[in-house]
Protein backbone atom coordinates (compact mmCIF):
# COMPACT_ATOMS: atom_id res chain seq x y z
CA MET A 1 13.48 6.34 -2.66
CA GLY A 2 11.91 5.94 0.73
CA ASN A 3 9.50 8.80 0.17
CA LEU A 4 8.50 7.30 -3.03
CA LEU A 5 7.70 3.93 -1.24
CA TYR A 6 5.67 5.70 1.36
CA ILE A 7 3.64 7.68 -1.27
CA ILE A 8 2.91 4.68 -3.14
CA ALA A 9 1.70 2.76 0.03
CA VAL A 10 -0.51 5.81 0.65
CA ILE A 11 -1.91 5.70 -2.88
CA LEU A 12 -2.47 2.14 -2.66
CA VAL A 13 -4.45 2.34 0.76
CA ILE A 14 -6.62 4.97 -0.83
CA SER A 15 -7.25 3.11 -4.00
CA TRP A 16 -8.14 0.13 -1.80
CA ALA A 17 -10.67 1.98 0.17
CA ILE A 18 -12.14 3.32 -3.16
CA GLY A 19 -12.27 -0.06 -4.60
CA PHE A 20 -13.65 -1.54 -1.47
CA ILE A 21 -16.54 0.86 -1.48
CA GLY A 22 -17.12 0.72 -5.23
CA TYR A 23 -16.46 -3.04 -5.79
CA GLY A 24 -14.66 -2.05 -8.94
CA VAL A 25 -11.34 -3.78 -9.14
CA GLY A 26 -11.52 -5.33 -5.72
CA GLY A 27 -9.17 -8.39 -6.18
CA LEU A 28 -6.32 -6.29 -7.83
CA ILE A 29 -6.60 -3.69 -5.10
CA HIS A 30 -6.47 -6.14 -2.42
CA VAL A 31 -3.37 -7.62 -3.69
CA LEU A 32 -1.62 -4.32 -4.18
CA LEU A 33 -2.60 -3.38 -0.74
CA VAL A 34 -0.98 -6.41 0.60
CA ILE A 35 2.13 -5.72 -1.29
CA ALA A 36 2.25 -2.07 0.10
CA VAL A 37 1.88 -3.15 3.70
CA ILE A 38 4.66 -5.77 3.33
CA ALA A 39 6.92 -3.02 1.83
CA VAL A 40 6.16 -0.75 4.73
CA VAL A 41 6.58 -3.50 7.38
CA LEU A 42 9.80 -4.53 5.87
CA ARG A 43 11.25 -0.84 6.04
CA LEU A 44 10.13 -0.66 9.74
CA ILE A 45 11.78 -3.89 10.60
CA GLN A 46 15.10 -2.90 8.78
CA GLY A 47 14.93 0.30 11.01
CA LYS A 48 14.67 2.77 8.21
CA PRO A 49 12.28 5.64 8.50
CA LEU A 50 9.32 5.88 6.17
C-alpha cells in the first residue's frame, strides 16, 4: 500500500507539472497535487517509510 501511495504522489506531481505548463486542467491538477502532498506528509509524520 505504501508503494502505491508513493507512485500516485509521483504521478500527480508529474501531472501537475504538465498541467501547469499546458494550462489544461489546472484547477483539478492543483487540488490533486495538494492531496498527494498531504498524504506524503502524513506518512512521514507517522514515521512510515515512503
